[in-house]
């Protein structure tokens, strides 16, 4: 059974989500604040639904702490709709963001799509100097492993699948965030910056094409062979 940790301080919203998801056969574990969420979280959860404005620890702080434990998919649910709020959520490792009010059917669809992608095991593969472990969302460069968030890993895979092709920010938004994402292209720039940081000496694989987008290339490595 799919297990979801629902972190929300408003009882009515928790009940509203729990009723819909339980009827769909999912198990919902509730936390009414950030501290309770940290105490309940473990590796058995398939996804976390995380409110932003909560007592004790806000959603951003909770996300930071959870990301140090495991790369479980996280969807923010919040009444905060400004681009800056959503960008902060993505910068901290959130995988998606939905603003209140929302239809439970849409939230359910987002959850199941993320869970499905997260559980889809794939064999280890190598591109240039990077070894990718799709089952754990880890990358390995010069025998050093680093964990990526779901969004970072999906972005890297999209770049690799389109190696040498110029990808516009709009194309990346549509593929990685989906057509119903209401933010702007700055989300792409933020995640590219985070991904480059994790790629370290291979960060140059992701090339910025001014005013156009990004292109992934390992041309320099190929010339070394």
N, C-alpha and C. Protein backbone atom coordinates (compact mmCIF):
# COMPACT_ATOMS: atom_id res chain seq x y z
N UNK A 1 0.84 -1.21 0.00
CA UNK A 1 0.00 0.00 0.00
C UNK A 1 0.87 1.25 0.00
N UNK A 2 0.47 2.25 -0.78
CA UNK A 2 1.18 3.52 -0.81
C UNK A 2 0.98 4.26 0.51
N UNK A 3 2.08 4.74 1.10
CA UNK A 3 2.01 5.48 2.37
C UNK A 3 2.46 6.92 2.13
N UNK A 4 1.64 7.85 2.58
CA UNK A 4 1.92 9.27 2.40
C UNK A 4 1.90 9.97 3.75
N UNK A 5 2.92 10.78 3.99
CA UNK A 5 2.94 11.61 5.19
C UNK A 5 2.33 12.96 4.86
N UNK A 6 1.22 13.29 5.50
CA UNK A 6 0.51 14.54 5.27
C UNK A 6 0.81 15.50 6.41
N UNK A 7 1.51 16.58 6.09
CA UNK A 7 1.92 17.55 7.10
C UNK A 7 1.13 18.83 6.89
N UNK A 8 0.15 19.07 7.74
CA UNK A 8 -0.78 20.20 7.56
C UNK A 8 -1.38 20.55 8.92
N UNK A 9 -1.33 21.84 9.29
CA UNK A 9 -1.83 22.23 10.60
C UNK A 9 -3.34 22.50 10.63
N UNK A 10 -3.98 22.59 9.47
CA UNK A 10 -5.42 22.83 9.44
C UNK A 10 -6.17 21.50 9.37
N UNK A 11 -6.96 21.25 10.41
CA UNK A 11 -7.66 19.96 10.52
C UNK A 11 -8.60 19.71 9.35
N UNK A 12 -9.33 20.72 8.91
CA UNK A 12 -10.28 20.55 7.83
C UNK A 12 -9.59 20.10 6.54
N UNK A 13 -8.44 20.70 6.25
CA UNK A 13 -7.72 20.33 5.03
C UNK A 13 -7.16 18.91 5.16
N UNK A 14 -6.63 18.57 6.33
CA UNK A 14 -6.13 17.20 6.54
C UNK A 14 -7.25 16.18 6.32
N UNK A 15 -8.41 16.46 6.91
CA UNK A 15 -9.54 15.53 6.78
C UNK A 15 -9.99 15.42 5.32
N UNK A 16 -10.00 16.56 4.64
CA UNK A 16 -10.43 16.63 3.24
C UNK A 16 -9.53 15.77 2.35
N UNK A 17 -8.21 15.88 2.56
CA UNK A 17 -7.25 15.10 1.77
C UNK A 17 -7.29 13.63 2.18
N UNK A 18 -7.31 13.38 3.48
CA UNK A 18 -7.28 12.00 3.96
C UNK A 18 -8.48 11.21 3.46
N UNK A 19 -9.65 11.82 3.50
CA UNK A 19 -10.86 11.10 3.06
C UNK A 19 -10.75 10.70 1.59
N UNK A 20 -10.32 11.65 0.75
CA UNK A 20 -10.23 11.36 -0.69
C UNK A 20 -9.18 10.29 -0.97
N UNK A 21 -8.01 10.42 -0.37
CA UNK A 21 -6.91 9.49 -0.65
C UNK A 21 -7.18 8.11 -0.06
N UNK A 22 -7.81 8.07 1.12
CA UNK A 22 -8.14 6.78 1.73
C UNK A 22 -9.13 6.01 0.86
N UNK A 23 -10.08 6.73 0.28
CA UNK A 23 -11.05 6.10 -0.62
C UNK A 23 -10.37 5.56 -1.88
N UNK A 24 -9.19 6.08 -2.20
CA UNK A 24 -8.43 5.60 -3.35
C UNK A 24 -7.49 4.44 -2.98
N UNK A 25 -7.52 4.05 -1.69
CA UNK A 25 -6.70 2.92 -1.27
C UNK A 25 -5.32 3.28 -0.75
N UNK A 26 -5.07 4.56 -0.49
CA UNK A 26 -3.76 5.00 0.02
C UNK A 26 -3.81 5.13 1.53
N UNK A 27 -2.67 4.95 2.18
CA UNK A 27 -2.58 5.13 3.62
C UNK A 27 -2.00 6.51 3.92
N UNK A 28 -2.74 7.29 4.71
CA UNK A 28 -2.32 8.64 5.06
C UNK A 28 -1.94 8.69 6.54
N UNK A 29 -0.73 9.12 6.82
CA UNK A 29 -0.27 9.35 8.19
C UNK A 29 -0.22 10.86 8.39
N UNK A 30 -0.89 11.36 9.42
CA UNK A 30 -1.03 12.80 9.62
C UNK A 30 -0.03 13.37 10.61
N UNK A 31 0.43 14.57 10.30
CA UNK A 31 1.25 15.37 11.22
C UNK A 31 0.68 16.78 11.22
N UNK A 32 0.48 17.36 12.38
CA UNK A 32 -0.16 18.67 12.46
C UNK A 32 0.83 19.82 12.53
N UNK A 33 2.12 19.51 12.62
CA UNK A 33 3.13 20.57 12.58
C UNK A 33 4.47 19.99 12.14
N UNK A 34 5.44 20.86 11.96
CA UNK A 34 6.72 20.44 11.45
C UNK A 34 7.48 19.49 12.35
N UNK A 35 7.43 19.73 13.65
CA UNK A 35 8.14 18.88 14.59
C UNK A 35 7.59 17.46 14.58
N UNK A 36 6.27 17.34 14.52
CA UNK A 36 5.65 16.02 14.47
C UNK A 36 6.03 15.31 13.17
N UNK A 37 6.12 16.07 12.09
CA UNK A 37 6.50 15.50 10.79
C UNK A 37 7.88 14.88 10.86
N UNK A 38 8.83 15.58 11.46
CA UNK A 38 10.20 15.07 11.59
C UNK A 38 10.22 13.79 12.41
N UNK A 39 9.44 13.76 13.48
CA UNK A 39 9.43 12.59 14.36
C UNK A 39 8.79 11.38 13.70
N UNK A 40 7.84 11.60 12.79
CA UNK A 40 7.13 10.50 12.14
C UNK A 40 7.83 9.99 10.88
N UNK A 41 8.63 10.84 10.26
CA UNK A 41 9.20 10.50 8.95
C UNK A 41 10.17 9.32 9.05
N UNK A 42 10.04 8.42 8.08
CA UNK A 42 10.98 7.31 7.94
C UNK A 42 11.02 6.87 6.48
N UNK A 43 11.81 5.86 6.18
CA UNK A 43 12.02 5.44 4.79
C UNK A 43 10.84 4.69 4.19
N UNK A 44 9.82 4.41 5.01
CA UNK A 44 8.67 3.66 4.52
C UNK A 44 7.68 4.53 3.74
N UNK A 45 7.82 5.85 3.85
CA UNK A 45 6.89 6.74 3.16
C UNK A 45 7.24 6.84 1.67
N UNK A 46 6.20 6.81 0.85
CA UNK A 46 6.39 6.93 -0.60
C UNK A 46 6.38 8.38 -1.05
N UNK A 47 5.79 9.28 -0.23
CA UNK A 47 5.67 10.69 -0.62
C UNK A 47 5.30 11.51 0.61
N UNK A 48 5.66 12.79 0.57
CA UNK A 48 5.30 13.73 1.64
C UNK A 48 4.50 14.89 1.04
N UNK A 49 3.34 15.17 1.64
CA UNK A 49 2.57 16.37 1.32
C UNK A 49 2.85 17.38 2.42
N UNK A 50 3.37 18.54 2.05
CA UNK A 50 3.94 19.44 3.05
C UNK A 50 3.41 20.86 2.92
N UNK A 51 2.72 21.31 3.97
CA UNK A 51 2.26 22.69 4.03
C UNK A 51 3.45 23.60 4.33
N UNK A 52 3.32 24.88 4.03
CA UNK A 52 4.42 25.82 4.28
C UNK A 52 4.25 26.51 5.63
N UNK A 53 3.11 27.15 5.83
CA UNK A 53 2.91 27.95 7.05
C UNK A 53 2.38 27.07 8.18
N UNK A 54 3.29 26.71 9.11
CA UNK A 54 2.94 25.87 10.24
C UNK A 54 3.68 26.33 11.48
N UNK A 55 3.17 25.99 12.66
CA UNK A 55 3.87 26.35 13.89
C UNK A 55 5.12 25.51 14.09
N UNK A 56 6.03 26.01 14.93
CA UNK A 56 7.27 25.34 15.33
C UNK A 56 8.30 25.30 14.19
N UNK A 57 8.02 24.55 13.15
CA UNK A 57 8.88 24.53 11.97
C UNK A 57 8.02 24.73 10.74
N UNK A 58 8.41 25.67 9.86
CA UNK A 58 7.62 25.83 8.64
C UNK A 58 8.00 24.76 7.62
N UNK A 59 7.25 24.71 6.54
CA UNK A 59 7.46 23.66 5.55
C UNK A 59 8.84 23.69 4.91
N UNK A 60 9.38 24.88 4.71
CA UNK A 60 10.71 24.99 4.12
C UNK A 60 11.76 24.34 5.02
N UNK A 61 11.64 24.61 6.33
CA UNK A 61 12.59 24.04 7.29
C UNK A 61 12.46 22.52 7.36
N UNK A 62 11.21 22.06 7.31
CA UNK A 62 10.97 20.61 7.34
C UNK A 62 11.57 19.95 6.11
N UNK A 63 11.38 20.56 4.95
CA UNK A 63 11.91 20.03 3.70
C UNK A 63 13.43 19.88 3.78
N UNK A 64 14.10 20.89 4.28
CA UNK A 64 15.56 20.84 4.42
C UNK A 64 16.00 19.65 5.27
N UNK A 65 15.28 19.42 6.37
CA UNK A 65 15.64 18.34 7.28
C UNK A 65 15.34 16.97 6.66
N UNK A 66 14.21 16.86 5.96
CA UNK A 66 13.86 15.58 5.35
C UNK A 66 14.84 15.21 4.24
N UNK A 67 15.31 16.22 3.50
CA UNK A 67 16.23 15.96 2.40
C UNK A 67 17.58 15.41 2.90
N UNK A 68 17.89 15.62 4.16
CA UNK A 68 19.13 15.09 4.73
C UNK A 68 18.97 13.62 5.12
N UNK A 69 17.70 13.16 5.13
CA UNK A 69 17.42 11.78 5.52
C UNK A 69 17.22 10.90 4.29
N UNK A 70 16.37 11.32 3.36
CA UNK A 70 16.06 10.50 2.19
C UNK A 70 15.45 11.38 1.10
N UNK A 71 15.62 10.97 -0.15
CA UNK A 71 15.10 11.73 -1.28
C UNK A 71 13.66 11.32 -1.63
N UNK A 72 12.82 11.19 -0.61
CA UNK A 72 11.41 10.89 -0.82
C UNK A 72 10.74 12.05 -1.55
N UNK A 73 9.90 11.79 -2.54
CA UNK A 73 9.21 12.89 -3.24
C UNK A 73 8.43 13.78 -2.27
N UNK A 74 8.52 15.09 -2.49
CA UNK A 74 7.82 16.06 -1.64
C UNK A 74 7.00 17.00 -2.51
N UNK A 75 5.71 17.11 -2.19
CA UNK A 75 4.84 18.09 -2.85
C UNK A 75 4.41 19.11 -1.81
N UNK A 76 4.70 20.38 -2.07
CA UNK A 76 4.24 21.45 -1.19
C UNK A 76 2.78 21.77 -1.49
N UNK A 77 1.99 21.95 -0.44
CA UNK A 77 0.60 22.40 -0.58
C UNK A 77 0.47 23.68 0.25
N UNK A 78 0.17 24.79 -0.39
CA UNK A 78 0.23 26.05 0.33
C UNK A 78 -0.71 27.10 -0.26
N UNK A 79 -1.12 28.02 0.60
CA UNK A 79 -1.92 29.16 0.15
C UNK A 79 -1.02 30.26 -0.42
N UNK A 80 0.29 30.12 -0.25
CA UNK A 80 1.25 31.09 -0.79
C UNK A 80 1.43 30.83 -2.28
N UNK A 81 1.09 31.81 -3.09
CA UNK A 81 1.08 31.58 -4.53
C UNK A 81 2.13 32.39 -5.30
N UNK A 82 2.88 33.23 -4.61
CA UNK A 82 3.88 34.05 -5.30
C UNK A 82 4.99 33.17 -5.87
N UNK A 83 5.57 33.62 -6.99
CA UNK A 83 6.65 32.87 -7.62
C UNK A 83 7.80 32.62 -6.65
N UNK A 84 8.10 33.62 -5.80
CA UNK A 84 9.21 33.49 -4.87
C UNK A 84 8.99 32.35 -3.89
N UNK A 85 7.74 32.14 -3.46
CA UNK A 85 7.43 31.05 -2.55
C UNK A 85 7.68 29.71 -3.22
N UNK A 86 7.25 29.59 -4.48
CA UNK A 86 7.43 28.34 -5.19
C UNK A 86 8.91 28.09 -5.49
N UNK A 87 9.63 29.13 -5.88
CA UNK A 87 11.06 28.99 -6.17
C UNK A 87 11.82 28.52 -4.93
N UNK A 88 11.47 29.07 -3.78
CA UNK A 88 12.14 28.66 -2.55
C UNK A 88 11.90 27.18 -2.27
N UNK A 89 10.66 26.74 -2.52
CA UNK A 89 10.33 25.33 -2.31
C UNK A 89 11.17 24.44 -3.22
N UNK A 90 11.30 24.83 -4.48
CA UNK A 90 12.09 24.03 -5.42
C UNK A 90 13.58 24.07 -5.08
N UNK A 91 14.06 25.22 -4.64
CA UNK A 91 15.47 25.35 -4.29
C UNK A 91 15.85 24.44 -3.12
N UNK A 92 14.89 24.19 -2.24
CA UNK A 92 15.15 23.36 -1.06
C UNK A 92 14.94 21.88 -1.34
N UNK A 93 14.55 21.54 -2.57
CA UNK A 93 14.43 20.13 -2.92
C UNK A 93 13.02 19.63 -3.11
N UNK A 94 12.02 20.54 -3.08
CA UNK A 94 10.65 20.13 -3.35
C UNK A 94 10.50 19.66 -4.80
N UNK A 95 9.62 18.70 -5.02
CA UNK A 95 9.43 18.15 -6.36
C UNK A 95 8.25 18.79 -7.09
N UNK A 96 7.29 19.30 -6.34
CA UNK A 96 6.13 19.94 -6.96
C UNK A 96 5.51 20.90 -5.94
N UNK A 97 4.61 21.73 -6.43
CA UNK A 97 4.01 22.77 -5.58
C UNK A 97 2.59 23.00 -6.09
N UNK A 98 1.61 22.89 -5.21
CA UNK A 98 0.22 23.12 -5.59
C UNK A 98 -0.38 24.13 -4.62
N UNK A 99 -1.07 25.12 -5.15
CA UNK A 99 -1.62 26.18 -4.31
C UNK A 99 -3.06 25.88 -3.91
N UNK A 100 -3.41 26.30 -2.70
CA UNK A 100 -4.78 26.16 -2.20
C UNK A 100 -5.63 27.30 -2.75
N UNK A 101 -6.91 27.06 -3.03
CA UNK A 101 -7.59 25.76 -2.99
C UNK A 101 -7.26 24.93 -4.23
N UNK A 102 -7.41 23.62 -4.10
CA UNK A 102 -7.12 22.74 -5.23
C UNK A 102 -8.13 21.59 -5.22
N UNK A 103 -8.25 20.95 -6.37
CA UNK A 103 -9.11 19.78 -6.48
C UNK A 103 -8.36 18.56 -5.97
N UNK A 104 -8.98 17.75 -5.14
CA UNK A 104 -8.27 16.56 -4.64
C UNK A 104 -7.85 15.61 -5.75
N UNK A 105 -8.62 15.60 -6.84
CA UNK A 105 -8.27 14.74 -7.97
C UNK A 105 -6.95 15.15 -8.60
N UNK A 106 -6.69 16.48 -8.68
CA UNK A 106 -5.44 16.97 -9.24
C UNK A 106 -4.28 16.64 -8.31
N UNK A 107 -4.46 16.83 -7.01
CA UNK A 107 -3.41 16.51 -6.06
C UNK A 107 -3.10 15.01 -6.10
N UNK A 108 -4.14 14.21 -6.17
CA UNK A 108 -3.96 12.75 -6.24
C UNK A 108 -3.16 12.37 -7.49
N UNK A 109 -3.51 12.98 -8.62
CA UNK A 109 -2.81 12.67 -9.88
C UNK A 109 -1.34 13.04 -9.79
N UNK A 110 -1.05 14.20 -9.20
CA UNK A 110 0.34 14.63 -9.04
C UNK A 110 1.11 13.64 -8.15
N UNK A 111 0.48 13.22 -7.07
CA UNK A 111 1.12 12.28 -6.15
C UNK A 111 1.45 10.96 -6.84
N UNK A 112 0.48 10.41 -7.53
CA UNK A 112 0.69 9.11 -8.15
C UNK A 112 1.73 9.17 -9.27
N UNK A 113 1.76 10.29 -10.00
CA UNK A 113 2.76 10.45 -11.06
C UNK A 113 4.17 10.48 -10.47
N UNK A 114 4.34 11.22 -9.37
CA UNK A 114 5.65 11.29 -8.72
C UNK A 114 6.07 9.95 -8.14
N UNK A 115 5.13 9.27 -7.49
CA UNK A 115 5.44 7.98 -6.88
C UNK A 115 5.82 6.96 -7.95
N UNK A 116 5.09 6.99 -9.05
CA UNK A 116 5.37 6.06 -10.16
C UNK A 116 6.77 6.28 -10.71
N UNK A 117 7.14 7.55 -10.92
CA UNK A 117 8.48 7.84 -11.44
C UNK A 117 9.56 7.46 -10.43
N UNK A 118 9.27 7.69 -9.14
CA UNK A 118 10.27 7.43 -8.11
C UNK A 118 10.54 5.94 -7.97
N UNK A 119 9.55 5.10 -8.21
CA UNK A 119 9.70 3.67 -8.03
C UNK A 119 10.15 2.94 -9.29
N UNK A 120 10.28 3.67 -10.38
CA UNK A 120 10.64 3.05 -11.64
C UNK A 120 12.14 2.77 -11.67
N UNK A 121 12.51 1.54 -11.41
CA UNK A 121 13.93 1.18 -11.33
C UNK A 121 14.53 1.04 -12.72
N UNK A 122 15.73 1.53 -12.87
CA UNK A 122 16.43 1.45 -14.14
C UNK A 122 17.87 1.02 -13.88
N UNK A 123 18.53 0.40 -14.87
CA UNK A 123 19.92 -0.02 -14.67
C UNK A 123 20.86 1.18 -14.59
N UNK A 124 22.00 0.96 -13.96
CA UNK A 124 23.03 2.00 -13.90
C UNK A 124 23.51 2.33 -15.31
N UNK A 125 23.75 3.60 -15.57
CA UNK A 125 24.27 4.00 -16.87
C UNK A 125 25.35 5.05 -16.70
N UNK A 126 26.15 5.23 -17.73
CA UNK A 126 27.25 6.19 -17.67
C UNK A 126 27.21 7.11 -18.87
N UNK A 127 27.44 8.40 -18.62
CA UNK A 127 27.54 9.40 -19.67
C UNK A 127 28.75 10.28 -19.34
N UNK A 128 29.74 10.28 -20.20
CA UNK A 128 30.96 11.02 -19.89
C UNK A 128 31.60 10.49 -18.62
N UNK A 129 31.88 11.37 -17.69
CA UNK A 129 32.49 10.97 -16.43
C UNK A 129 31.46 10.69 -15.34
N UNK A 130 30.18 10.77 -15.69
CA UNK A 130 29.12 10.61 -14.70
C UNK A 130 28.52 9.21 -14.78
N UNK A 131 28.45 8.54 -13.64
CA UNK A 131 27.73 7.27 -13.51
C UNK A 131 26.41 7.58 -12.80
N UNK A 132 25.31 7.16 -13.39
CA UNK A 132 23.99 7.44 -12.82
C UNK A 132 23.38 6.17 -12.24
N UNK A 133 22.75 6.32 -11.07
CA UNK A 133 22.05 5.22 -10.41
C UNK A 133 20.57 5.62 -10.30
N UNK A 134 19.77 5.32 -11.34
CA UNK A 134 18.37 5.75 -11.36
C UNK A 134 17.52 5.23 -10.20
N UNK A 135 17.87 4.05 -9.66
CA UNK A 135 17.06 3.49 -8.58
C UNK A 135 17.21 4.26 -7.28
N UNK A 136 18.35 4.93 -7.09
CA UNK A 136 18.58 5.69 -5.85
C UNK A 136 18.69 7.19 -6.09
N UNK A 137 18.63 7.61 -7.37
CA UNK A 137 18.79 9.01 -7.74
C UNK A 137 20.15 9.57 -7.29
N UNK A 138 21.15 8.71 -7.41
CA UNK A 138 22.51 9.11 -7.08
C UNK A 138 23.34 9.23 -8.37
N UNK A 139 24.34 10.10 -8.31
CA UNK A 139 25.33 10.17 -9.38
C UNK A 139 26.69 9.90 -8.77
N UNK A 140 27.60 9.40 -9.59
CA UNK A 140 28.94 9.08 -9.11
C UNK A 140 29.95 9.68 -10.08
N UNK A 141 30.83 10.51 -9.54
CA UNK A 141 31.88 11.14 -10.34
C UNK A 141 33.20 10.94 -9.62
N UNK A 142 34.15 10.30 -10.30
CA UNK A 142 35.46 10.00 -9.70
C UNK A 142 35.30 9.27 -8.36
N UNK A 143 34.41 8.27 -8.37
CA UNK A 143 34.16 7.39 -7.22
C UNK A 143 33.51 8.10 -6.03
N UNK A 144 33.03 9.32 -6.24
CA UNK A 144 32.32 10.04 -5.18
C UNK A 144 30.83 10.10 -5.55
N UNK A 145 29.98 9.62 -4.63
CA UNK A 145 28.54 9.61 -4.88
C UNK A 145 27.87 10.84 -4.27
N UNK A 146 26.85 11.32 -4.99
CA UNK A 146 26.05 12.43 -4.50
C UNK A 146 24.59 12.13 -4.80
N UNK A 147 23.71 12.46 -3.85
CA UNK A 147 22.28 12.26 -4.05
C UNK A 147 21.65 13.49 -4.68
N UNK A 148 20.75 13.26 -5.63
CA UNK A 148 20.01 14.34 -6.27
C UNK A 148 18.54 14.26 -5.87
N UNK A 149 17.88 15.40 -5.85
CA UNK A 149 16.43 15.39 -5.65
C UNK A 149 15.78 14.81 -6.89
N UNK A 150 14.51 14.46 -6.79
CA UNK A 150 13.80 13.91 -7.95
C UNK A 150 13.84 14.85 -9.14
N UNK A 151 13.60 16.14 -8.88
CA UNK A 151 13.59 17.12 -9.96
C UNK A 151 14.97 17.24 -10.60
N UNK A 152 16.01 17.27 -9.77
CA UNK A 152 17.37 17.38 -10.30
C UNK A 152 17.71 16.16 -11.16
N UNK A 153 17.36 14.97 -10.67
CA UNK A 153 17.68 13.76 -11.41
C UNK A 153 16.90 13.70 -12.73
N UNK A 154 15.62 14.05 -12.67
CA UNK A 154 14.81 14.05 -13.89
C UNK A 154 15.33 15.06 -14.90
N UNK A 155 15.79 16.21 -14.39
CA UNK A 155 16.35 17.23 -15.27
C UNK A 155 17.63 16.72 -15.94
N UNK A 156 18.49 16.08 -15.15
CA UNK A 156 19.72 15.54 -15.72
C UNK A 156 19.41 14.47 -16.77
N UNK A 157 18.45 13.59 -16.49
CA UNK A 157 18.08 12.55 -17.45
C UNK A 157 17.53 13.16 -18.73
N UNK A 158 16.76 14.23 -18.60
CA UNK A 158 16.20 14.90 -19.78
C UNK A 158 17.31 15.50 -20.63
N UNK A 159 18.29 16.10 -19.98
CA UNK A 159 19.44 16.64 -20.70
C UNK A 159 20.18 15.51 -21.45
N UNK A 160 20.40 14.40 -20.74
CA UNK A 160 21.14 13.29 -21.34
C UNK A 160 20.39 12.71 -22.53
N UNK A 161 19.08 12.55 -22.38
CA UNK A 161 18.26 12.00 -23.47
C UNK A 161 18.28 12.90 -24.70
N UNK A 162 18.58 14.19 -24.48
CA UNK A 162 18.62 15.16 -25.59
C UNK A 162 20.01 15.74 -25.77
N UNK A 163 21.02 14.91 -25.56
CA UNK A 163 22.42 15.35 -25.64
C UNK A 163 22.69 16.06 -26.97
N UNK A 164 23.30 17.23 -26.88
CA UNK A 164 23.66 18.00 -28.06
C UNK A 164 22.55 18.85 -28.64
N UNK A 165 21.35 18.75 -28.06
CA UNK A 165 20.19 19.49 -28.58
C UNK A 165 19.92 20.71 -27.70
N UNK A 166 19.70 21.85 -28.32
CA UNK A 166 19.34 23.05 -27.57
C UNK A 166 17.92 22.90 -27.03
N UNK A 167 17.78 23.05 -25.72
CA UNK A 167 16.47 22.95 -25.07
C UNK A 167 16.11 24.31 -24.49
N UNK A 168 14.97 24.83 -24.87
CA UNK A 168 14.52 26.12 -24.33
C UNK A 168 14.01 25.92 -22.91
N UNK A 169 13.95 26.98 -22.15
CA UNK A 169 13.42 26.91 -20.79
C UNK A 169 11.97 26.43 -20.82
N UNK A 170 11.23 26.85 -21.83
CA UNK A 170 9.82 26.45 -21.94
C UNK A 170 9.71 24.95 -22.16
N UNK A 171 10.58 24.39 -22.99
CA UNK A 171 10.57 22.93 -23.21
C UNK A 171 10.87 22.19 -21.92
N UNK A 172 11.85 22.69 -21.18
CA UNK A 172 12.24 22.05 -19.92
C UNK A 172 11.12 22.15 -18.90
N UNK A 173 10.51 23.31 -18.80
CA UNK A 173 9.38 23.49 -17.88
C UNK A 173 8.27 22.50 -18.18
N UNK A 174 7.93 22.39 -19.45
CA UNK A 174 6.82 21.52 -19.86
C UNK A 174 7.13 20.06 -19.55
N UNK A 175 8.38 19.64 -19.79
CA UNK A 175 8.76 18.24 -19.59
C UNK A 175 8.92 17.89 -18.12
N UNK A 176 9.60 18.73 -17.36
CA UNK A 176 9.95 18.39 -15.98
C UNK A 176 8.89 18.83 -14.98
N UNK A 177 8.29 20.01 -15.21
CA UNK A 177 7.29 20.51 -14.26
C UNK A 177 5.87 20.21 -14.72
N UNK A 178 5.66 20.04 -16.01
CA UNK A 178 4.33 19.72 -16.51
C UNK A 178 3.59 20.95 -17.00
N UNK A 179 2.60 20.71 -17.84
CA UNK A 179 1.87 21.81 -18.47
C UNK A 179 1.08 22.64 -17.48
N UNK A 180 0.77 22.10 -16.29
CA UNK A 180 -0.06 22.83 -15.33
C UNK A 180 0.77 23.63 -14.33
N UNK A 181 2.09 23.74 -14.58
CA UNK A 181 2.94 24.54 -13.69
C UNK A 181 2.75 26.01 -14.01
N UNK A 182 2.47 26.82 -12.97
CA UNK A 182 2.15 28.22 -13.20
C UNK A 182 3.29 29.17 -12.84
N UNK A 183 4.46 28.62 -12.57
CA UNK A 183 5.60 29.48 -12.29
C UNK A 183 6.24 29.97 -13.58
N UNK A 184 7.44 30.49 -13.47
CA UNK A 184 8.11 30.98 -14.67
C UNK A 184 9.45 30.28 -14.87
N UNK A 185 10.17 30.71 -15.88
CA UNK A 185 11.40 30.04 -16.30
C UNK A 185 12.51 30.12 -15.25
N UNK A 186 12.37 30.98 -14.27
CA UNK A 186 13.41 31.07 -13.24
C UNK A 186 13.56 29.75 -12.48
N UNK A 187 12.50 28.95 -12.44
CA UNK A 187 12.59 27.64 -11.79
C UNK A 187 13.62 26.78 -12.49
N UNK A 188 13.66 26.86 -13.82
CA UNK A 188 14.64 26.09 -14.60
C UNK A 188 16.05 26.56 -14.25
N UNK A 189 16.26 27.87 -14.26
CA UNK A 189 17.59 28.41 -13.96
C UNK A 189 18.05 28.00 -12.56
N UNK A 190 17.11 28.02 -11.61
CA UNK A 190 17.45 27.63 -10.24
C UNK A 190 17.90 26.19 -10.18
N UNK A 191 17.17 25.30 -10.86
CA UNK A 191 17.52 23.89 -10.80
C UNK A 191 18.78 23.57 -11.60
N UNK A 192 19.01 24.27 -12.68
CA UNK A 192 20.25 24.08 -13.42
C UNK A 192 21.44 24.47 -12.54
N UNK A 193 21.29 25.56 -11.80
CA UNK A 193 22.35 26.00 -10.90
C UNK A 193 22.62 24.94 -9.83
N UNK A 194 21.56 24.37 -9.26
CA UNK A 194 21.71 23.32 -8.24
C UNK A 194 22.35 22.07 -8.83
N UNK A 195 21.91 21.71 -10.04
CA UNK A 195 22.44 20.52 -10.69
C UNK A 195 23.93 20.68 -11.01
N UNK A 196 24.30 21.85 -11.52
CA UNK A 196 25.71 22.11 -11.82
C UNK A 196 26.57 21.99 -10.56
N UNK A 197 26.05 22.47 -9.45
CA UNK A 197 26.79 22.40 -8.19
C UNK A 197 27.06 20.94 -7.82
N UNK A 198 26.08 20.08 -8.03
CA UNK A 198 26.25 18.66 -7.71
C UNK A 198 27.15 17.94 -8.72
N UNK A 199 27.18 18.44 -9.95
CA UNK A 199 28.03 17.82 -10.97
C UNK A 199 29.51 18.18 -10.80
N UNK A 200 29.77 19.20 -10.00
CA UNK A 200 31.14 19.62 -9.71
C UNK A 200 31.97 19.81 -10.97
N UNK A 201 33.05 19.00 -11.12
CA UNK A 201 33.95 19.20 -12.27
C UNK A 201 33.31 18.88 -13.60
N UNK A 202 32.12 18.28 -13.58
CA UNK A 202 31.39 18.00 -14.82
C UNK A 202 30.30 19.02 -15.08
N UNK A 203 30.29 20.10 -14.32
CA UNK A 203 29.24 21.11 -14.47
C UNK A 203 29.22 21.73 -15.87
N UNK A 204 30.40 21.69 -16.53
CA UNK A 204 30.48 22.29 -17.87
C UNK A 204 29.71 21.48 -18.91
N UNK A 205 29.26 20.28 -18.55
CA UNK A 205 28.43 19.50 -19.48
C UNK A 205 27.15 20.26 -19.84
N UNK A 206 26.67 21.05 -18.89
CA UNK A 206 25.45 21.83 -19.13
C UNK A 206 25.86 23.22 -19.60
N UNK A 207 25.65 23.49 -20.86
CA UNK A 207 26.06 24.75 -21.47
C UNK A 207 24.89 25.72 -21.53
N UNK A 208 25.14 26.96 -21.14
CA UNK A 208 24.12 27.99 -21.25
C UNK A 208 24.21 28.63 -22.64
N UNK A 209 23.10 28.62 -23.35
CA UNK A 209 23.03 29.29 -24.65
C UNK A 209 22.24 30.57 -24.41
N UNK A 210 22.95 31.69 -24.41
CA UNK A 210 22.36 32.97 -24.01
C UNK A 210 21.09 33.28 -24.78
N UNK A 211 20.05 33.65 -24.01
CA UNK A 211 18.73 34.03 -24.52
C UNK A 211 17.98 32.88 -25.21
N UNK A 212 18.54 31.67 -25.15
CA UNK A 212 17.89 30.55 -25.83
C UNK A 212 17.55 29.40 -24.90
N UNK A 213 18.47 29.01 -24.03
CA UNK A 213 18.22 27.88 -23.15
C UNK A 213 19.49 27.17 -22.76
N UNK A 214 19.45 25.84 -22.76
CA UNK A 214 20.59 25.04 -22.32
C UNK A 214 20.83 23.88 -23.29
N UNK A 215 22.09 23.42 -23.31
CA UNK A 215 22.45 22.27 -24.10
C UNK A 215 23.41 21.40 -23.29
N UNK A 216 23.20 20.08 -23.35
CA UNK A 216 24.06 19.14 -22.63
C UNK A 216 25.05 18.53 -23.61
N UNK A 217 26.34 18.63 -23.29
CA UNK A 217 27.35 18.11 -24.20
C UNK A 217 28.55 17.59 -23.42
N UNK A 218 29.07 16.42 -23.84
CA UNK A 218 30.29 15.89 -23.25
C UNK A 218 31.40 15.88 -24.31
N UNK A 219 31.31 16.82 -25.23
CA UNK A 219 32.22 16.86 -26.36
C UNK A 219 33.68 16.86 -25.95
N UNK A 220 34.02 17.61 -24.90
CA UNK A 220 35.40 17.67 -24.45
C UNK A 220 35.90 16.31 -23.99
N UNK A 221 35.05 15.57 -23.28
CA UNK A 221 35.43 14.23 -22.80
C UNK A 221 35.63 13.28 -23.96
N UNK A 222 34.77 13.39 -24.97
CA UNK A 222 34.87 12.51 -26.12
C UNK A 222 36.19 12.73 -26.85
N UNK A 223 36.65 13.99 -26.89
CA UNK A 223 37.92 14.30 -27.55
C UNK A 223 39.11 13.74 -26.79
N UNK A 224 38.93 13.54 -25.46
CA UNK A 224 40.02 13.02 -24.63
C UNK A 224 40.25 11.54 -24.89
N UNK A 225 39.23 10.83 -25.39
CA UNK A 225 39.33 9.39 -25.57
C UNK A 225 40.18 9.03 -26.79
